[in-house]
Amino acid sequence: LRIDDLDAGRSRAAVADEQLRDLQAI
């Protein structure tokens, strides 16, 4: 698993955490 957060202006840590939870949920 990798978070492609090179675009600092659009990347959000809270969104990354939410994405990881969604992946685990399925």
PDB file of all heavy atoms in Angstrom:
ATOM      1  N   LEU A   1       0.857  -1.189   0.000  1.00  0.00           N
ATOM      2  CA  LEU A   1       0.000   0.000   0.000  1.00  0.00           C
ATOM      3  C   LEU A   1       0.891   1.236   0.000  1.00  0.00           C
ATOM      4  O   LEU A   1       1.863   1.320   0.764  1.00  0.00           O
ATOM      5  CB  LEU A   1      -0.897   0.009   1.237  1.00  0.00           C
ATOM      6  CG  LEU A   1      -2.392   0.154   0.991  1.00  0.00           C
ATOM      7  CD1 LEU A   1      -2.736   1.477   0.352  1.00  0.00           C
ATOM      8  CD2 LEU A   1      -2.921  -0.997   0.158  1.00  0.00           C
ATOM      9  N   ARG A   2       0.552   2.182  -0.872  1.00  0.00           N
ATOM     10  CA  ARG A   2       1.320   3.408  -0.973  1.00  0.00           C
ATOM     11  C   ARG A   2       0.363   4.590  -1.131  1.00  0.00           C
ATOM     12  O   ARG A   2      -0.643   4.493  -1.837  1.00  0.00           O
ATOM     13  CB  ARG A   2       2.254   3.338  -2.188  1.00  0.00           C
ATOM     14  CG  ARG A   2       3.193   4.506  -2.314  1.00  0.00           C
ATOM     15  CD  ARG A   2       4.239   4.266  -3.394  1.00  0.00           C
ATOM     16  NE  ARG A   2       3.702   4.278  -4.743  1.00  0.00           N
ATOM     17  CZ  ARG A   2       3.778   3.260  -5.594  1.00  0.00           C
ATOM     18  NH1 ARG A   2       4.345   2.122  -5.225  1.00  0.00           N
ATOM     19  NH2 ARG A   2       3.287   3.356  -6.797  1.00  0.00           N
ATOM     20  N   ILE A   3       0.669   5.684  -0.481  1.00  0.00           N
ATOM     21  CA  ILE A   3      -0.128   6.899  -0.611  1.00  0.00           C
ATOM     22  C   ILE A   3       0.612   7.859  -1.540  1.00  0.00           C
ATOM     23  O   ILE A   3       1.707   8.327  -1.217  1.00  0.00           O
ATOM     24  CB  ILE A   3      -0.364   7.564   0.762  1.00  0.00           C
ATOM     25  CG1 ILE A   3      -1.076   6.589   1.714  1.00  0.00           C
ATOM     26  CG2 ILE A   3      -1.181   8.840   0.586  1.00  0.00           C
ATOM     27  CD1 ILE A   3      -2.448   6.152   1.249  1.00  0.00           C
ATOM     28  N   ASP A   4       0.027   8.133  -2.682  1.00  0.00           N
ATOM     29  CA  ASP A   4       0.654   9.010  -3.671  1.00  0.00           C
ATOM     30  C   ASP A   4       0.292  10.467  -3.360  1.00  0.00           C
ATOM     31  O   ASP A   4      -0.600  11.061  -3.976  1.00  0.00           O
ATOM     32  CB  ASP A   4       0.210   8.614  -5.085  1.00  0.00           C
ATOM     33  CG  ASP A   4       0.921   7.357  -5.586  1.00  0.00           C
ATOM     34  OD1 ASP A   4       1.687   6.771  -4.810  1.00  0.00           O
ATOM     35  OD2 ASP A   4       0.698   6.973  -6.749  1.00  0.00           O
ATOM     36  N   ASP A   5       1.009  11.031  -2.407  1.00  0.00           N
ATOM     37  CA  ASP A   5       0.691  12.376  -1.916  1.00  0.00           C
ATOM     38  C   ASP A   5       1.738  13.410  -2.320  1.00  0.00           C
ATOM     39  O   ASP A   5       2.033  14.339  -1.560  1.00  0.00           O
ATOM     40  CB  ASP A   5       0.526  12.353  -0.392  1.00  0.00           C
ATOM     41  CG  ASP A   5       1.779  11.862   0.336  1.00  0.00           C
ATOM     42  OD1 ASP A   5       2.716  11.391  -0.331  1.00  0.00           O
ATOM     43  OD2 ASP A   5       1.818  11.952   1.570  1.00  0.00           O
ATOM     44  N   LEU A   6       2.282  13.278  -3.521  1.00  0.00           N
ATOM     45  CA  LEU A   6       3.255  14.249  -4.000  1.00  0.00           C
ATOM     46  C   LEU A   6       2.648  15.629  -4.176  1.00  0.00           C
ATOM     47  O   LEU A   6       3.329  16.637  -4.010  1.00  0.00           O
ATOM     48  CB  LEU A   6       3.847  13.789  -5.343  1.00  0.00           C
ATOM     49  CG  LEU A   6       5.003  12.791  -5.281  1.00  0.00           C
ATOM     50  CD1 LEU A   6       5.447  12.439  -6.687  1.00  0.00           C
ATOM     51  CD2 LEU A   6       6.170  13.341  -4.484  1.00  0.00           C
ATOM     52  N   ASP A   7       1.372  15.665  -4.547  1.00  0.00           N
ATOM     53  CA  ASP A   7       0.701  16.950  -4.750  1.00  0.00           C
ATOM     54  C   ASP A   7       0.262  17.486  -3.394  1.00  0.00           C
ATOM     55  O   ASP A   7      -0.844  17.211  -2.922  1.00  0.00           O
ATOM     56  CB  ASP A   7      -0.500  16.779  -5.681  1.00  0.00           C
ATOM     57  CG  ASP A   7      -1.088  18.107  -6.135  1.00  0.00           C
ATOM     58  OD1 ASP A   7      -0.811  19.130  -5.476  1.00  0.00           O
ATOM     59  OD2 ASP A   7      -1.823  18.115  -7.132  1.00  0.00           O
ATOM     60  N   ALA A   8       1.138  18.279  -2.774  1.00  0.00           N
ATOM     61  CA  ALA A   8       0.875  18.762  -1.418  1.00  0.00           C
ATOM     62  C   ALA A   8      -0.369  19.641  -1.355  1.00  0.00           C
ATOM     63  O   ALA A   8      -1.066  19.676  -0.333  1.00  0.00           O
ATOM     64  CB  ALA A   8       2.083  19.535  -0.896  1.00  0.00           C
ATOM     65  N   GLY A   9      -0.673  20.337  -2.430  1.00  0.00           N
ATOM     66  CA  GLY A   9      -1.821  21.231  -2.430  1.00  0.00           C
ATOM     67  C   GLY A   9      -3.155  20.522  -2.402  1.00  0.00           C
ATOM     68  O   GLY A   9      -4.152  21.101  -1.949  1.00  0.00           O
ATOM     69  N   ARG A  10      -3.201  19.275  -2.845  1.00  0.00           N
ATOM     70  CA  ARG A  10      -4.464  18.534  -2.914  1.00  0.00           C
ATOM     71  C   ARG A  10      -4.541  17.381  -1.920  1.00  0.00           C
ATOM     72  O   ARG A  10      -5.616  16.835  -1.687  1.00  0.00           O
ATOM     73  CB  ARG A  10      -4.678  17.978  -4.327  1.00  0.00           C
ATOM     74  CG  ARG A  10      -4.748  19.043  -5.417  1.00  0.00           C
ATOM     75  CD  ARG A  10      -5.009  18.409  -6.764  1.00  0.00           C
ATOM     76  NE  ARG A  10      -6.277  17.699  -6.767  1.00  0.00           N
ATOM     77  CZ  ARG A  10      -6.572  16.698  -7.595  1.00  0.00           C
ATOM     78  NH1 ARG A  10      -5.672  16.253  -8.444  1.00  0.00           N
ATOM     79  NH2 ARG A  10      -7.754  16.113  -7.542  1.00  0.00           N
ATOM     80  N   SER A  11      -3.409  16.981  -1.362  1.00  0.00           N
ATOM     81  CA  SER A  11      -3.380  15.816  -0.484  1.00  0.00           C
ATOM     82  C   SER A  11      -3.833  16.178   0.928  1.00  0.00           C
ATOM     83  O   SER A  11      -3.494  17.249   1.442  1.00  0.00           O
ATOM     84  CB  SER A  11      -1.965  15.235  -0.432  1.00  0.00           C
ATOM     85  OG  SER A  11      -1.567  14.782  -1.713  1.00  0.00           O
ATOM     86  N   ARG A  12      -4.596  15.266   1.545  1.00  0.00           N
ATOM     87  CA  ARG A  12      -5.104  15.466   2.898  1.00  0.00           C
ATOM     88  C   ARG A  12      -4.859  14.197   3.720  1.00  0.00           C
ATOM     89  O   ARG A  12      -5.257  13.100   3.315  1.00  0.00           O
ATOM     90  CB  ARG A  12      -6.610  15.768   2.870  1.00  0.00           C
ATOM     91  CG  ARG A  12      -6.989  17.025   2.081  1.00  0.00           C
ATOM     92  CD  ARG A  12      -6.572  18.292   2.821  1.00  0.00           C
ATOM     93  NE  ARG A  12      -6.991  19.500   2.109  1.00  0.00           N
ATOM     94  CZ  ARG A  12      -6.260  20.123   1.194  1.00  0.00           C
ATOM     95  NH1 ARG A  12      -5.063  19.649   0.859  1.00  0.00           N
ATOM     96  NH2 ARG A  12      -6.707  21.216   0.599  1.00  0.00           N
ATOM     97  N   ALA A  13      -4.216  14.365   4.875  1.00  0.00           N
ATOM     98  CA  ALA A  13      -3.913  13.216   5.728  1.00  0.00           C
ATOM     99  C   ALA A  13      -5.184  12.516   6.181  1.00  0.00           C
ATOM    100  O   ALA A  13      -5.235  11.277   6.254  1.00  0.00           O
ATOM    101  CB  ALA A  13      -3.095  13.665   6.936  1.00  0.00           C
ATOM    102  N   ALA A  14      -6.231  13.280   6.497  1.00  0.00           N
ATOM    103  CA  ALA A  14      -7.489  12.677   6.944  1.00  0.00           C
ATOM    104  C   ALA A  14      -8.118  11.839   5.839  1.00  0.00           C
ATOM    105  O   ALA A  14      -8.729  10.793   6.104  1.00  0.00           O
ATOM    106  CB  ALA A  14      -8.460  13.772   7.400  1.00  0.00           C
ATOM    107  N   VAL A  15      -7.968  12.283   4.602  1.00  0.00           N
ATOM    108  CA  VAL A  15      -8.507  11.523   3.470  1.00  0.00           C
ATOM    109  C   VAL A  15      -7.741  10.213   3.312  1.00  0.00           C
ATOM    110  O   VAL A  15      -8.327   9.157   3.056  1.00  0.00           O
ATOM    111  CB  VAL A  15      -8.441  12.357   2.179  1.00  0.00           C
ATOM    112  CG1 VAL A  15      -8.779  11.501   0.959  1.00  0.00           C
ATOM    113  CG2 VAL A  15      -9.397  13.541   2.263  1.00  0.00           C
ATOM    114  N   ALA A  16      -6.424  10.259   3.468  1.00  0.00           N
ATOM    115  CA  ALA A  16      -5.619   9.042   3.377  1.00  0.00           C
ATOM    116  C   ALA A  16      -6.056   8.027   4.432  1.00  0.00           C
ATOM    117  O   ALA A  16      -6.189   6.829   4.150  1.00  0.00           O
ATOM    118  CB  ALA A  16      -4.141   9.379   3.542  1.00  0.00           C
ATOM    119  N   ASP A  17      -6.296   8.488   5.645  1.00  0.00           N
ATOM    120  CA  ASP A  17      -6.750   7.590   6.707  1.00  0.00           C
ATOM    121  C   ASP A  17      -8.109   6.979   6.357  1.00  0.00           C
ATOM    122  O   ASP A  17      -8.351   5.786   6.603  1.00  0.00           O
ATOM    123  CB  ASP A  17      -6.844   8.355   8.026  1.00  0.00           C
ATOM    124  CG  ASP A  17      -5.483   8.777   8.561  1.00  0.00           C
ATOM    125  OD1 ASP A  17      -4.468   8.197   8.134  1.00  0.00           O
ATOM    126  OD2 ASP A  17      -5.442   9.704   9.397  1.00  0.00           O
ATOM    127  N   GLU A  18      -8.996   7.784   5.806  1.00  0.00           N
ATOM    128  CA  GLU A  18     -10.312   7.291   5.400  1.00  0.00           C
ATOM    129  C   GLU A  18     -10.177   6.233   4.299  1.00  0.00           C
ATOM    130  O   GLU A  18     -10.866   5.201   4.329  1.00  0.00           O
ATOM    131  CB  GLU A  18     -11.156   8.455   4.892  1.00  0.00           C
ATOM    132  CG  GLU A  18     -12.516   8.039   4.335  1.00  0.00           C
ATOM    133  CD  GLU A  18     -13.186   9.165   3.565  1.00  0.00           C
ATOM    134  OE1 GLU A  18     -12.540   9.770   2.683  1.00  0.00           O
ATOM    135  OE2 GLU A  18     -14.371   9.432   3.835  1.00  0.00           O
ATOM    136  N   GLN A  19      -9.277   6.449   3.365  1.00  0.00           N
ATOM    137  CA  GLN A  19      -9.067   5.484   2.288  1.00  0.00           C
ATOM    138  C   GLN A  19      -8.590   4.145   2.832  1.00  0.00           C
ATOM    139  O   GLN A  19      -9.058   3.081   2.402  1.00  0.00           O
ATOM    140  CB  GLN A  19      -8.057   6.044   1.291  1.00  0.00           C
ATOM    141  CG  GLN A  19      -8.579   7.229   0.491  1.00  0.00           C
ATOM    142  CD  GLN A  19      -7.529   7.824  -0.423  1.00  0.00           C
ATOM    143  OE1 GLN A  19      -6.320   7.637  -0.217  1.00  0.00           O
ATOM    144  NE2 GLN A  19      -7.961   8.543  -1.446  1.00  0.00           N
ATOM    145  N   LEU A  20      -7.675   4.187   3.776  1.00  0.00           N
ATOM    146  CA  LEU A  20      -7.171   2.946   4.367  1.00  0.00           C
ATOM    147  C   LEU A  20      -8.284   2.202   5.098  1.00  0.00           C
ATOM    148  O   LEU A  20      -8.372   0.966   5.030  1.00  0.00           O
ATOM    149  CB  LEU A  20      -6.011   3.246   5.315  1.00  0.00           C
ATOM    150  CG  LEU A  20      -4.760   3.868   4.682  1.00  0.00           C
ATOM    151  CD1 LEU A  20      -3.696   4.115   5.749  1.00  0.00           C
ATOM    152  CD2 LEU A  20      -4.217   2.990   3.574  1.00  0.00           C
ATOM    153  N   ARG A  21      -9.151   2.936   5.790  1.00  0.00           N
ATOM    154  CA  ARG A  21     -10.275   2.290   6.490  1.00  0.00           C
ATOM    155  C   ARG A  21     -11.237   1.639   5.497  1.00  0.00           C
ATOM    156  O   ARG A  21     -11.736   0.529   5.742  1.00  0.00           O
ATOM    157  CB  ARG A  21     -11.013   3.313   7.354  1.00  0.00           C
ATOM    158  CG  ARG A  21     -10.243   3.760   8.589  1.00  0.00           C
ATOM    159  CD  ARG A  21     -11.147   4.511   9.563  1.00  0.00           C
ATOM    160  NE  ARG A  21     -11.687   5.731   8.988  1.00  0.00           N
ATOM    161  CZ  ARG A  21     -11.085   6.931   9.076  1.00  0.00           C
ATOM    162  NH1 ARG A  21      -9.939   7.050   9.708  1.00  0.00           N
ATOM    163  NH2 ARG A  21     -11.649   8.004   8.547  1.00  0.00           N
ATOM    164  N   ASP A  22     -11.490   2.299   4.375  1.00  0.00           N
ATOM    165  CA  ASP A  22     -12.385   1.730   3.375  1.00  0.00           C
ATOM    166  C   ASP A  22     -11.804   0.451   2.774  1.00  0.00           C
ATOM    167  O   ASP A  22     -12.530  -0.528   2.538  1.00  0.00           O
ATOM    168  CB  ASP A  22     -12.656   2.744   2.261  1.00  0.00           C
ATOM    169  CG  ASP A  22     -13.683   3.792   2.661  1.00  0.00           C
ATOM    170  OD1 ASP A  22     -14.247   3.690   3.770  1.00  0.00           O
ATOM    171  OD2 ASP A  22     -13.927   4.722   1.858  1.00  0.00           O
ATOM    172  N   LEU A  23     -10.514   0.453   2.510  1.00  0.00           N
ATOM    173  CA  LEU A  23      -9.873  -0.746   1.972  1.00  0.00           C
ATOM    174  C   LEU A  23      -9.971  -1.905   2.959  1.00  0.00           C
ATOM    175  O   LEU A  23     -10.291  -3.042   2.579  1.00  0.00           O
ATOM    176  CB  LEU A  23      -8.411  -0.451   1.636  1.00  0.00           C
ATOM    177  CG  LEU A  23      -8.172   0.550   0.488  1.00  0.00           C
ATOM    178  CD1 LEU A  23      -6.696   0.918   0.421  1.00  0.00           C
ATOM    179  CD2 LEU A  23      -8.635  -0.030  -0.844  1.00  0.00           C
ATOM    180  N   GLN A  24      -9.693  -1.629   4.218  1.00  0.00           N
ATOM    181  CA  GLN A  24      -9.800  -2.673   5.236  1.00  0.00           C
ATOM    182  C   GLN A  24     -11.237  -3.171   5.373  1.00  0.00           C
ATOM    183  O   GLN A  24     -11.470  -4.368   5.583  1.00  0.00           O
ATOM    184  CB  GLN A  24      -9.292  -2.141   6.571  1.00  0.00           C
ATOM    185  CG  GLN A  24      -7.791  -1.907   6.613  1.00  0.00           C
ATOM    186  CD  GLN A  24      -7.335  -1.257   7.908  1.00  0.00           C
ATOM    187  OE1 GLN A  24      -7.963  -0.313   8.395  1.00  0.00           O
ATOM    188  NE2 GLN A  24      -6.230  -1.741   8.464  1.00  0.00           N
ATOM    189  N   ALA A  25     -12.194  -2.266   5.243  1.00  0.00           N
ATOM    190  CA  ALA A  25     -13.601  -2.645   5.412  1.00  0.00           C
ATOM    191  C   ALA A  25     -14.054  -3.658   4.364  1.00  0.00           C
ATOM    192  O   ALA A  25     -14.919  -4.496   4.648  1.00  0.00           O
ATOM    193  CB  ALA A  25     -14.484  -1.396   5.356  1.00  0.00           C
ATOM    194  N   ILE A  26     -13.490  -3.590   3.159  1.00  0.00           N
ATOM    195  CA  ILE A  26     -13.903  -4.560   2.129  1.00  0.00           C
ATOM    196  C   ILE A  26     -12.965  -5.770   2.086  1.00  0.00           C
ATOM    197  O   ILE A  26     -13.022  -6.568   1.147  1.00  0.00           O
ATOM    198  CB  ILE A  26     -14.022  -3.912   0.740  1.00  0.00           C
ATOM    199  CG1 ILE A  26     -12.667  -3.411   0.236  1.00  0.00           C
ATOM    200  CG2 ILE A  26     -15.059  -2.796   0.748  1.00  0.00           C
ATOM    201  CD1 ILE A  26     -12.691  -3.041  -1.246  1.00  0.00           C
TER     202      ILE A  26
END
